[in-house]
Protein backbone atom coordinates (compact mmCIF):
# COMPACT_ATOMS: atom_id res chain seq x y z
CA MET A 1 23.12 26.65 17.02
CA THR A 2 20.02 26.76 19.21
CA ARG A 3 16.74 25.18 18.14
CA ARG A 4 14.98 28.56 18.15
CA TYR A 5 17.68 30.00 15.89
CA ARG A 6 17.36 27.03 13.53
CA VAL A 7 13.62 27.61 13.29
CA TRP A 8 14.20 31.31 12.50
CA LEU A 9 16.87 30.47 9.92
CA THR A 10 14.67 27.83 8.28
CA THR A 11 11.84 30.34 7.95
CA LEU A 12 14.14 32.84 6.27
CA LEU A 13 15.38 30.18 3.85
CA VAL A 14 11.86 29.21 2.87
CA LEU A 15 10.72 32.82 2.45
CA GLY A 16 13.86 33.58 0.48
CA ALA A 17 13.20 30.64 -1.84
CA VAL A 18 9.69 31.91 -2.46
CA SER A 19 10.92 35.45 -3.17
CA MET A 20 13.37 34.09 -5.77
CA GLY A 21 10.64 32.14 -7.51
CA ALA A 22 11.79 28.69 -6.39
CA PRO A 23 8.88 26.22 -6.23
CA ILE A 24 7.86 25.13 -2.76
CA LEU A 25 6.16 21.75 -3.11
CA GLY A 26 2.62 21.87 -1.81
CA ALA A 27 3.06 25.18 0.04
CA ASP A 28 -0.69 25.64 0.46
CA ASP A 29 -3.44 25.63 3.01
CA ALA A 30 -3.03 21.89 3.59
CA MET A 31 0.31 22.35 5.34
CA ASP A 32 -1.19 24.99 7.59
CA GLU A 33 -4.03 22.59 8.36
CA HIS A 34 -1.59 19.79 9.21
CA LEU A 35 0.30 22.06 11.59
CA ARG A 36 -2.94 23.39 13.08
CA VAL A 37 -4.23 19.89 13.83
CA VAL A 38 -0.94 18.75 15.36
CA THR A 39 -0.80 21.91 17.46
CA GLU A 40 -4.39 21.38 18.63
CA PHE A 41 -3.52 17.80 19.56
CA ALA A 42 -0.44 18.86 21.53
CA ASP A 43 -2.34 21.65 23.29
CA ASN A 44 -5.02 19.15 24.27
CA VAL A 45 -2.41 16.70 25.58
CA LEU A 46 -0.85 19.46 27.66
CA ALA A 47 -4.26 20.58 28.93
CA HIS A 48 -5.88 17.19 29.61
CA GLY A 49 -3.13 14.58 29.59
CA ARG A 50 -1.05 15.58 32.59
CA ASP A 51 -0.76 13.63 35.84
CA VAL A 52 -3.31 15.52 37.96
CA HIS A 53 -5.34 12.53 39.14
CA GLY A 54 -3.76 11.51 42.42
CA PRO A 55 -2.75 13.51 45.49
CA LYS A 56 0.66 14.16 43.91
CA LYS A 57 0.70 16.29 40.76
CA THR A 58 3.66 15.59 38.47
CA PRO A 59 4.88 16.66 35.01
CA LEU A 60 4.23 13.13 33.74
CA PHE A 61 1.63 12.33 31.09
CA VAL A 62 -1.00 9.61 31.11
CA ASP A 63 -0.95 7.20 28.18
CA TRP A 64 -4.58 7.33 27.07
CA ILE A 65 -7.63 9.56 27.19
CA ASN A 66 -11.33 9.10 26.53
CA VAL A 67 -11.91 11.70 23.83
CA ASP A 68 -15.50 12.34 24.93
CA THR A 69 -15.03 12.67 28.69
CA LEU A 70 -11.42 13.95 28.49
CA GLN A 71 -10.60 11.54 31.31
CA PRO A 72 -8.06 8.70 31.12
CA PRO A 73 -9.46 5.15 31.04
CA ARG A 74 -8.61 2.98 34.03
CA TRP A 75 -6.85 -0.34 34.25
CA THR A 76 -8.46 -2.63 36.81
CA ARG A 77 -6.60 -5.43 38.52
CA ASP A 78 -7.75 -7.31 41.62
CA GLY A 79 -10.28 -4.57 42.28
CA GLU A 80 -7.69 -1.79 42.10
CA GLU A 81 -7.86 1.00 39.52
CA TRP A 82 -4.77 2.40 37.83
CA ILE A 83 -4.26 5.29 35.44
CA LEU A 84 -1.32 4.24 33.30
CA SER A 85 1.57 6.67 32.96
CA ASN A 86 4.18 4.65 31.12
CA LEU A 87 7.01 6.83 29.81
CA ALA A 88 8.17 4.01 27.54
CA SER A 89 4.82 4.24 25.75
CA GLN A 90 5.23 7.97 25.09
CA GLN A 91 8.35 8.14 22.95
CA ASN A 92 6.50 9.05 19.73
CA LEU A 93 4.64 11.71 21.72
CA PHE A 94 7.93 13.24 22.86
CA ARG A 95 9.26 13.23 19.31
CA THR A 96 6.08 14.97 18.18
CA LEU A 97 6.36 17.61 20.90
CA VAL A 98 9.98 18.38 20.00
CA GLY A 99 9.13 18.48 16.30
CA LEU A 100 6.24 20.83 16.98
CA SER A 101 8.42 23.25 18.94
CA ASP A 102 10.87 23.26 16.03
CA ALA A 103 8.04 23.90 13.57
CA THR A 104 6.32 26.67 15.53
CA GLY A 105 9.17 28.23 17.48
CA ASP A 106 7.13 27.75 20.68
CA PRO A 107 9.36 26.02 23.26
CA LYS A 108 6.51 24.90 25.55
CA TYR A 109 5.96 21.59 23.74
CA ARG A 110 9.57 20.50 23.93
CA GLN A 111 9.76 21.72 27.52
CA ALA A 112 6.81 19.54 28.47
CA ALA A 113 8.67 16.47 27.18
CA VAL A 114 11.84 17.58 28.97
CA ASP A 115 9.95 18.06 32.23
CA ALA A 116 8.46 14.56 32.05
CA ILE A 117 11.82 12.92 31.34
CA THR A 118 13.52 14.95 34.07
CA TYR A 119 10.92 13.87 36.60
CA ALA A 120 11.30 10.24 35.57
CA PHE A 121 15.07 10.35 35.96
CA GLU A 122 14.72 11.93 39.39
CA ASN A 123 11.91 9.74 40.71
CA LEU A 124 11.55 6.56 38.63
CA GLN A 125 15.16 5.45 38.09
CA ASP A 126 16.31 2.61 40.30
CA VAL A 127 19.70 2.04 41.89
CA GLY A 128 20.94 0.11 38.86
CA GLY A 129 19.88 2.76 36.38
CA LEU A 130 16.70 1.11 35.09
CA LEU A 131 13.58 3.23 34.66
CA ARG A 132 10.31 1.92 35.99
CA TRP A 133 8.59 1.70 32.64
CA GLY A 134 8.09 -0.73 29.79
CA GLY A 135 6.09 -3.83 29.03
CA HIS A 136 5.22 -4.86 32.57
CA THR A 137 5.96 -1.90 34.87
CA CYS A 138 4.73 1.67 34.91
CA TYR A 139 3.65 4.58 37.11
CA ASP A 140 0.07 4.79 38.34
CA ALA A 141 -1.01 8.43 38.12
CA LEU A 142 -4.04 7.74 40.30
CA GLY A 143 -2.30 6.03 43.20
CA ASP A 144 1.05 7.84 42.84
CA ALA A 145 2.89 4.54 42.89
CA VAL A 146 4.77 2.19 40.61
CA VAL A 147 2.61 -0.75 39.50
CA SER A 148 3.73 -3.91 37.79
CA GLU A 149 2.74 -7.35 36.67
CA ALA A 150 5.89 -8.96 38.03
CA LYS A 151 8.35 -6.12 38.82
CA GLN A 152 10.25 -6.76 35.62
CA HIS A 153 11.88 -4.40 33.18
CA GLU A 154 11.04 -5.12 29.56
CA LEU A 155 11.61 -3.26 26.32
CA LYS A 156 10.35 -4.84 23.12
CA HIS A 157 10.48 -2.60 20.01
CA HIS A 158 10.07 0.55 22.14
CA TYR A 159 13.14 2.39 20.75
CA PRO A 160 13.24 5.31 23.22
CA TYR A 161 14.01 8.88 22.22
CA TYR A 162 17.58 8.68 23.48
CA GLU A 163 18.66 11.91 21.78
CA LEU A 164 16.31 13.93 23.98
CA MET A 165 17.10 11.84 27.06
CA TRP A 166 20.79 12.56 26.47
CA GLU A 167 20.10 16.29 26.20
CA VAL A 168 18.11 16.21 29.44
CA ASP A 169 20.60 14.25 31.56
CA ARG A 170 23.67 12.56 30.08
CA GLU A 171 24.67 10.71 33.22
CA ALA A 172 21.18 9.36 33.87
CA THR A 173 20.87 8.23 30.26
CA ARG A 174 24.24 6.48 30.40
CA ARG A 175 23.26 4.79 33.66
CA TYR A 176 20.00 3.64 32.11
CA ILE A 177 21.56 2.11 28.99
CA GLU A 178 24.30 0.40 30.95
CA GLY A 179 21.71 -0.76 33.49
CA VAL A 180 19.61 -2.29 30.72
CA TRP A 181 22.49 -4.40 29.45
CA ALA A 182 23.54 -5.41 32.96
CA ALA A 183 19.99 -6.40 33.92
CA HIS A 184 19.12 -8.34 30.76
CA VAL A 185 22.33 -10.09 29.69
CA ILE A 186 22.67 -13.44 31.46
CA ARG A 187 25.92 -14.64 29.89
CA TRP A 188 28.13 -12.10 28.18
CA ASP A 189 30.46 -14.70 26.69
CA ILE A 190 27.71 -16.06 24.41
CA LEU A 191 25.22 -13.18 24.76
CA ASP A 192 22.42 -15.20 26.24
CA PHE A 193 19.90 -12.64 27.47
CA ASN A 194 16.35 -12.39 28.71
CA ARG A 195 13.68 -9.92 27.64
CA HIS A 196 12.90 -9.55 31.36
CA GLY A 197 15.43 -7.64 33.46
CA ARG A 198 15.78 -7.48 37.23
CA TYR A 199 15.31 -4.20 39.08
CA GLY A 200 17.53 -3.32 42.02
CA GLN A 201 20.80 -4.62 40.56
CA SER A 202 23.32 -2.12 41.90
CA ASP A 203 26.49 -3.96 40.83
CA LEU A 204 26.80 -3.76 37.04
CA GLY A 205 29.89 -5.94 36.96
CA GLU A 206 32.49 -5.62 34.22
CA LEU A 207 29.90 -4.43 31.72
CA TRP A 208 31.62 -3.55 28.41
CA ASP A 209 34.85 -5.24 29.56
CA HIS A 210 33.34 -8.73 29.73
CA GLU A 211 34.99 -11.46 27.67
CA TYR A 212 33.12 -12.51 24.55
CA VAL A 213 33.52 -15.97 23.02
CA GLY A 214 30.53 -16.34 20.75
CA GLY A 215 30.24 -19.86 19.47
CA LYS A 216 27.52 -21.96 17.93
CA VAL A 217 23.92 -20.82 17.64
CA PRO A 218 21.28 -21.75 18.43
CA PHE A 219 22.03 -22.83 21.97
CA GLU A 220 19.85 -23.81 24.90
CA GLY A 221 19.63 -20.65 26.94
CA LYS A 222 18.29 -19.50 30.27
CA GLY A 223 16.48 -16.63 28.60
CA LEU A 224 14.75 -16.30 25.25
CA THR A 225 16.64 -14.03 22.89
CA PHE A 226 13.66 -12.32 21.25
CA MET A 227 14.86 -10.07 18.42
CA MET A 228 12.22 -7.48 19.38
CA SER A 229 14.06 -7.01 22.66
CA GLY A 230 17.46 -7.66 21.13
CA THR A 231 17.16 -4.72 18.75
CA ASP A 232 16.24 -2.49 21.69
CA LEU A 233 19.48 -3.56 23.37
CA VAL A 234 21.43 -3.06 20.14
CA TYR A 235 19.88 0.35 19.55
CA ALA A 236 20.60 1.51 23.11
CA ALA A 237 24.28 0.51 23.11
CA ALA A 238 24.86 1.87 19.61
CA MET A 239 23.36 5.23 20.54
CA LEU A 240 25.48 5.40 23.69
CA SER A 241 28.60 4.99 21.54
CA HIS A 242 27.25 7.63 19.18
CA PHE A 243 26.83 10.08 22.06
CA THR A 244 30.08 9.39 23.92
CA GLY A 245 32.54 8.33 21.22
CA ASP A 246 33.34 5.21 23.28
CA GLU A 247 33.52 2.31 20.82
CA LYS A 248 32.97 -0.44 23.43
CA PRO A 249 29.14 -0.27 23.55
CA LEU A 250 29.03 -0.28 19.74
CA ILE A 251 31.23 -3.39 19.65
CA TRP A 252 28.74 -5.17 21.90
CA ALA A 253 25.80 -3.87 19.88
CA LYS A 254 27.28 -5.40 16.73
CA ARG A 255 28.11 -8.64 18.51
CA LEU A 256 24.50 -9.02 19.59
CA ALA A 257 23.07 -8.06 16.19
CA ARG A 258 25.47 -10.50 14.54
CA ARG A 259 24.11 -13.40 16.64
CA TYR A 260 20.84 -13.17 14.69
CA VAL A 261 22.85 -13.22 11.47
CA GLU A 262 24.83 -16.27 12.59
CA ALA A 263 21.59 -18.11 13.37
CA ARG A 264 20.19 -17.70 9.84
CA HIS A 265 19.76 -20.75 7.65
CA PRO A 266 22.85 -21.03 5.42
CA GLU A 267 20.86 -21.69 2.24
CA THR A 268 17.76 -19.51 2.51
CA GLY A 269 19.21 -16.69 4.64
CA LEU A 270 16.02 -16.71 6.71
CA GLY A 271 16.22 -16.08 10.44
CA ALA A 272 13.96 -16.60 13.41
CA ALA A 273 12.92 -14.37 16.28
CA ASN A 274 15.48 -16.05 18.55
CA PHE A 275 19.03 -17.38 18.33
CA SER A 276 18.46 -19.63 21.36
CA VAL A 277 15.89 -22.23 22.42
CA ARG A 278 14.16 -22.99 25.69
CA ALA A 279 15.22 -25.85 27.92
CA ASP A 280 11.70 -27.29 27.87
CA HIS A 281 11.67 -27.32 24.03
CA ARG A 282 8.02 -26.29 24.03
CA MET A 283 7.76 -25.74 20.27
CA GLN A 284 9.62 -28.90 19.36
CA ASN A 285 7.31 -30.88 21.63
CA GLN A 286 4.19 -29.24 20.20
CA PHE A 287 5.25 -30.12 16.64
CA PRO A 288 6.92 -33.55 16.94
CA GLN A 289 6.17 -34.38 13.30
CA PHE A 290 8.95 -31.99 12.24
CA GLU A 291 11.53 -34.05 14.13
CA GLY A 292 13.34 -31.13 15.75
CA ARG A 293 13.08 -28.68 12.83
CA PHE A 294 10.37 -26.59 14.55
CA THR A 295 11.91 -24.55 17.40
CA GLU A 296 12.12 -20.96 18.66
CA ALA A 297 15.23 -20.57 16.51
CA THR A 298 13.89 -22.17 13.32
CA ILE A 299 10.47 -20.64 12.67
CA THR A 300 10.73 -17.33 10.89
CA ASP A 301 8.84 -14.19 11.85
CA ILE A 302 6.32 -15.94 14.08
CA TYR A 303 5.66 -12.64 15.89
CA GLY A 304 5.63 -10.44 12.79
CA ALA A 305 8.59 -8.36 13.98
CA ARG A 306 11.86 -9.42 12.33
CA TYR A 307 10.96 -7.98 8.92
CA THR A 308 9.17 -4.89 10.24
CA TYR A 309 10.21 -3.46 13.61
CA CYS A 310 13.63 -5.10 13.71
CA ALA A 311 14.57 -4.46 10.09
CA ILE A 312 13.52 -0.82 10.35
CA CYS A 313 15.56 -0.39 13.55
CA GLN A 314 18.70 -1.78 11.91
CA LEU A 315 18.23 0.33 8.79
CA ARG A 316 17.66 3.44 10.89
CA LEU A 317 20.79 2.68 12.88
CA GLY A 318 22.77 2.47 9.67
CA GLU A 319 21.29 5.77 8.57
CA ALA A 320 21.99 7.48 11.90
CA LEU A 321 25.53 6.20 12.43
CA GLY A 322 26.87 6.57 8.88
CA ASP A 323 30.05 4.59 8.23
CA GLU A 324 29.99 3.08 11.71
CA GLY A 325 26.51 1.70 11.08
CA ARG A 326 27.02 0.13 7.66
CA GLU A 327 26.79 -3.40 9.05
CA PHE A 328 23.39 -2.72 10.57
CA SER A 329 22.05 -1.52 7.21
CA GLN A 330 23.55 -4.54 5.47
CA TRP A 331 22.03 -7.00 7.94
CA GLY A 332 18.64 -5.34 7.61
CA LEU A 333 18.90 -5.52 3.82
CA GLU A 334 19.88 -9.19 3.95
CA ASP A 335 16.90 -10.04 6.14
CA LEU A 336 14.44 -8.24 3.88
CA THR A 337 16.03 -9.87 0.82
CA ALA A 338 15.66 -13.38 2.26
CA ARG A 339 12.02 -12.83 3.16
CA ALA A 340 11.27 -11.37 -0.27
CA LYS A 341 12.75 -14.45 -1.94
CA HIS A 342 11.12 -16.96 0.39
CA GLY A 343 7.45 -16.90 1.28
CA TYR A 344 6.15 -13.71 -0.35
CA ASP A 345 3.13 -14.16 -2.63
CA GLU A 346 2.76 -11.17 -4.94
CA ASN A 347 -0.73 -12.22 -6.02
CA THR A 348 -2.11 -12.00 -2.49
CA ASN A 349 0.44 -9.54 -1.11
CA SER A 350 1.07 -11.87 1.79
CA PHE A 351 3.84 -13.78 3.53
CA VAL A 352 3.42 -17.48 4.22
CA ALA A 353 4.51 -18.95 7.55
CA MET A 354 7.80 -20.80 7.14
CA LEU A 355 10.63 -22.59 8.83
CA ILE A 356 13.97 -20.99 8.14
CA ASP A 357 14.97 -23.95 5.96
CA GLY A 358 12.21 -22.91 3.55
CA GLY A 359 9.58 -25.40 4.67
CA LYS A 360 6.12 -23.85 4.40
CA LEU A 361 3.69 -24.04 7.31
CA SER A 362 -0.09 -23.87 7.65
CA PRO A 363 -2.68 -24.05 10.45
CA ALA A 364 -3.10 -27.74 9.59
CA ASP A 365 0.37 -28.34 11.01
CA ARG A 366 -0.87 -27.50 14.51
CA LYS A 367 -2.00 -30.94 15.59
CA LYS A 368 -1.40 -30.45 19.31
CA ASP A 369 -2.37 -27.66 21.70
CA GLY A 370 0.46 -25.56 23.03
CA TYR A 371 2.24 -22.22 22.90
CA VAL A 372 2.03 -21.69 19.13
CA LYS A 373 -1.41 -20.38 18.10
CA VAL A 374 -3.26 -21.33 14.93
CA GLU A 375 -3.27 -17.76 13.62
CA TRP A 376 0.53 -17.62 13.80
CA LEU A 377 0.67 -20.24 11.04
CA GLN A 378 -1.69 -18.48 8.64
CA PRO A 379 -0.45 -16.38 5.71
CA ARG A 380 -0.16 -12.73 6.73
CA ARG A 381 -0.96 -9.81 4.52
CA ALA A 382 1.88 -7.39 3.97
CA THR A 383 1.17 -4.23 5.94
CA SER A 384 2.15 -0.59 5.91
CA ALA A 385 5.01 -1.58 8.24
CA HIS A 386 6.41 -3.87 5.52
CA PHE A 387 5.97 -1.06 3.02
CA LEU A 388 7.96 1.29 5.26
CA ALA A 389 10.70 -1.31 5.79
CA TYR A 390 11.19 -2.02 2.09
CA ALA A 391 10.89 1.66 1.11
CA LEU A 392 13.53 2.61 3.68
CA ALA A 393 15.78 -0.21 2.46
CA TYR A 394 15.41 1.02 -1.12
CA LYS A 395 16.26 4.58 -0.14
CA LEU A 396 19.41 3.51 1.67
CA THR A 397 20.64 0.87 -0.79
CA LYS A 398 18.92 1.45 -4.17
CA ASP A 399 18.66 -2.34 -4.33
CA ASP A 400 16.44 -3.48 -7.20
CA LEU A 401 14.68 -6.21 -5.21
CA MET A 402 13.80 -3.63 -2.56
CA ARG A 403 12.31 -1.51 -5.35
CA GLN A 404 10.27 -4.43 -6.64
CA MET A 405 8.99 -5.34 -3.17
CA THR A 406 8.09 -1.75 -2.37
CA SER A 407 6.12 -1.52 -5.60
CA SER A 408 4.37 -4.85 -5.09
CA ILE A 409 3.36 -4.11 -1.51
CA ALA A 410 2.18 -0.64 -2.53
CA ARG A 411 -0.02 -2.21 -5.19
CA GLY A 412 -1.40 -4.65 -2.63
CA LEU A 413 -2.20 -1.78 -0.28
CA GLY A 414 -4.16 0.03 -2.98
CA LEU A 415 -1.64 2.83 -3.41
CA GLY A 416 -1.36 2.53 -7.19
CA GLU A 417 1.31 1.44 -9.63
CA LEU A 418 4.79 2.47 -8.59
CA THR A 419 6.31 0.37 -11.38
CA PRO A 420 8.00 -0.22 -13.72
CA GLU A 421 10.54 2.30 -12.49
CA PHE A 422 10.62 5.00 -9.90
CA GLY A 423 10.11 8.15 -11.87
CA GLN A 424 7.07 6.68 -13.61
CA ALA A 425 4.73 6.27 -10.67
CA ARG A 426 1.01 6.13 -11.29
CA ILE A 427 -0.45 6.74 -7.89
CA ASN A 428 -3.99 6.00 -6.79
CA GLY A 429 -5.30 9.43 -5.93
CA ASP A 430 -8.55 7.87 -4.70
CA THR A 431 -6.92 5.63 -2.09
CA SER A 432 -8.78 5.31 1.19
CA SER A 433 -5.57 4.62 3.13
CA ASN A 434 -5.16 6.75 6.25
CA ASN A 435 -2.18 4.95 7.76
CA PRO A 436 0.69 7.10 9.08
CA LEU A 437 3.25 4.36 8.38
CA THR A 438 2.33 4.57 4.71
CA ILE A 439 3.07 8.31 4.84
CA PHE A 440 6.49 7.57 6.33
CA GLY A 441 7.13 4.98 3.61
CA LEU A 442 6.19 7.38 0.83
CA LEU A 443 8.51 9.99 2.28
CA GLN A 444 11.37 7.48 2.01
CA LEU A 445 10.54 7.05 -1.68
CA TYR A 446 10.42 10.80 -2.18
CA GLU A 447 13.85 11.19 -0.57
CA ALA A 448 15.17 8.42 -2.83
CA THR A 449 13.69 9.73 -6.10
CA ARG A 450 12.55 13.33 -5.57
CA GLU A 451 9.43 12.41 -7.50
CA ARG A 452 6.53 14.71 -6.62
CA ALA A 453 3.97 11.92 -7.03
CA TYR A 454 5.00 10.38 -3.71
CA LEU A 455 4.38 13.64 -1.88
CA ASP A 456 1.01 14.00 -3.59
CA LEU A 457 0.01 10.52 -2.49
CA ALA A 458 1.31 11.11 1.05
CA LYS A 459 -0.73 14.31 1.19
CA ARG A 460 -3.85 12.42 0.11
CA ILE A 461 -3.32 9.84 2.84
CA ALA A 462 -2.76 12.64 5.37
CA ASP A 463 -6.04 14.23 4.30
CA ASN A 464 -7.74 10.86 4.80
CA ALA A 465 -6.21 10.64 8.26
CA LEU A 466 -7.50 14.09 9.19
CA ALA A 467 -10.98 13.05 8.05
CA THR A 468 -11.07 9.68 9.81
CA ARG A 469 -8.56 9.70 12.67
CA VAL A 470 -9.18 13.03 14.40
CA ARG A 471 -11.80 13.23 17.10
CA ASN A 472 -12.25 16.12 19.54
CA GLY A 473 -8.69 17.24 18.92
CA PHE A 474 -7.06 13.82 19.45
CA PHE A 475 -5.90 11.05 17.12
CA VAL A 476 -7.88 7.81 17.24
CA GLU A 477 -7.98 4.60 15.21
CA GLY A 478 -11.42 5.52 13.88
CA LYS A 479 -14.24 7.94 14.66
CA ASP A 480 -16.13 5.34 16.74
CA HIS A 481 -13.14 4.69 19.01
CA LEU A 482 -13.48 6.20 22.46
CA CYS A 483 -9.84 6.18 23.53
CA ALA A 484 -6.88 8.00 22.05
CA ARG A 485 -3.31 6.85 22.59
CA PHE A 486 -0.99 9.84 22.95
CA ASP A 487 1.82 7.86 21.32
CA ASP A 488 -0.03 7.63 18.00
CA PRO A 489 2.54 8.26 15.21
CA THR A 490 0.07 10.18 13.01
CA PRO A 491 0.99 13.68 14.26
CA LEU A 492 4.69 12.94 13.80
CA ALA A 493 3.97 11.75 10.25
CA LEU A 494 2.14 15.02 9.55
CA LEU A 495 5.14 17.03 10.76
CA HIS A 496 7.46 15.02 8.51
CA LEU A 497 5.15 15.49 5.53
CA ARG A 498 4.95 19.22 6.16
CA ALA A 499 8.75 19.46 6.29
CA ALA A 500 9.02 17.59 2.98
CA LEU A 501 6.37 19.73 1.29
CA LEU A 502 8.17 22.88 2.39
CA GLY A 503 11.57 21.52 1.48
CA LEU A 504 12.89 22.30 4.94
CA PRO A 505 16.59 21.52 5.47
CA GLU A 506 16.00 20.01 8.91
CA LYS A 507 13.54 17.16 9.48
CA PRO A 508 11.54 16.47 12.65
CA PRO A 509 12.81 13.75 15.02
CA THR A 510 13.21 10.36 13.34
CA TYR A 511 10.40 7.83 13.50
CA TRP A 512 11.91 4.49 14.54
CA HIS A 513 8.67 2.49 14.31
CA GLY A 514 8.66 2.06 18.06
CA ARG A 515 5.46 0.98 19.79
CA GLY A 516 4.95 0.74 23.53
CA TYR A 517 2.49 -1.38 25.47
CA PHE A 518 1.54 -2.50 28.97
CA HIS A 519 1.01 -6.25 29.44
CA CYS A 520 -0.68 -7.30 32.65
CA PRO A 521 -3.79 -9.09 34.00
CA PHE A 522 -6.97 -7.04 33.68
CA ASP A 523 -10.07 -7.92 35.69
CA GLY A 524 -12.42 -10.00 33.60
CA LYS A 525 -10.08 -10.21 30.60
CA GLY A 526 -7.11 -12.21 31.84
CA ARG A 527 -3.57 -11.30 30.86
CA THR A 528 -3.83 -8.74 28.09
CA TYR A 529 -2.50 -5.48 26.60
CA ASP A 530 -3.54 -1.88 27.09
CA ASN A 531 -3.64 -1.51 23.32
CA THR A 532 -6.22 -4.31 23.18
CA VAL A 533 -8.36 -3.21 26.12
CA PHE A 534 -8.55 0.51 25.38
CA TYR A 535 -8.69 0.34 21.58
CA ALA A 536 -11.60 -2.10 21.92
CA GLN A 537 -13.77 0.55 23.55
CA ARG A 538 -16.25 1.88 20.99
CA ARG A 539 -19.36 4.02 20.92
CA SER A 540 -22.55 1.98 20.91
CA ALA A 541 -23.98 4.29 18.26
CA PRO A 542 -21.25 6.15 16.34
CA ASP A 543 -22.46 9.55 15.23
CA GLY A 544 -20.07 9.60 12.29
CA ASP A 545 -18.98 13.21 12.62
């Protein structure tokens, strides 16, 4: 069934439901406004976000735009100026474009995403299959060249839109996923890997036929086994199995995911961001008073990712793969359960810093300078990302603790009282929240309960987003922000909300809570992120419109 035919069939189903008197939730002007704003955004991206800045014009997109000048901001390094065109930082954009074509029946949006991916496969894929994208490498649309901090491939909670990549070019997608594993895995027998992968590796070796031994964790590794990168590896291999029917990549995906499970503390169930430690023992040396208990593999959630990005990825994998993905869902549930039981303060809606053995940490514990920053040891407020993680876990498992955590975090975020039971929600219709992740979380609750209140609250938050996050036809963090990131998840959230309000049988592309970035020295600012540099640009005198 073609996408255009599905759109036509969906329209007939909705119109037929109306003609028979069936209620269509929220089928009003708001849904038209949501679609109008997303369409305007996509049209503006197509009109002003293309790679037209250097001598070579390509179908690629830039990552950012100044919403006043309609020109992309420039990254400066050693006196050079770059216009970032990082395909890895555009995966939510591509999902939005595909979802918009499905919603409108206009194929141009999907085709624009296809054209960009096709160009990247033909021009930015190296001999080993890796794409020149990610955390430290991207294409410069101004100089028509690949630029990089250190010519390294890095994915860290990017979660590419592999379904569309597979539709565009199956062989290139397979080569990429296999190239990622070959470039990042250092020792297959114990699954030591590095978040940084080498370009130009033409010999992929035995790949999925390597011998696996496993063994004790944590171990002293040559790389650091960051879970943010590990879940990207897991996700890639699992999706390759899903596409091809070959079980070998899925076996390796589960082996890698299981390493983080094996490294949990046996009593608390808490895990760290790594299942290996560095040879220089930098954390242990910075915190000698803990006598070896403070390491990369024993401090939980120091980067704020295991119980947000990583948990959501595993839960989504379980949802996408069905029976073959049950273990991923279970491991995600176990992680969220452990964190809920250890370190969550309902009164402040925050998580305390902890070692995986349950020992609480505070900034006072940082007695020596070093890698670990003071702010990493402070309690952290639960965010909309935590809300999404726990709401998704509740939808998939109906676990009562997940219900309690979802309700508590919602209360802390000012969303109202979702207790004592789903089905008796008392939402805060005056909430000022405008966060798209909260919309995604509420949609999980609606799918789990079919309670209209969650759609009403999601609609209110969407209205807030339209009032505060839209500027000159683009989505921004706030009206005084100058730069818009095309990968903003807000338009995708609006498409999902519209589909839920209409009761459409087919949802837009899944939101995996992926977030791209470019990490590199910037003149005058040191080593920093594009998200930091460009989001920091504000109007000196916001006009407030």
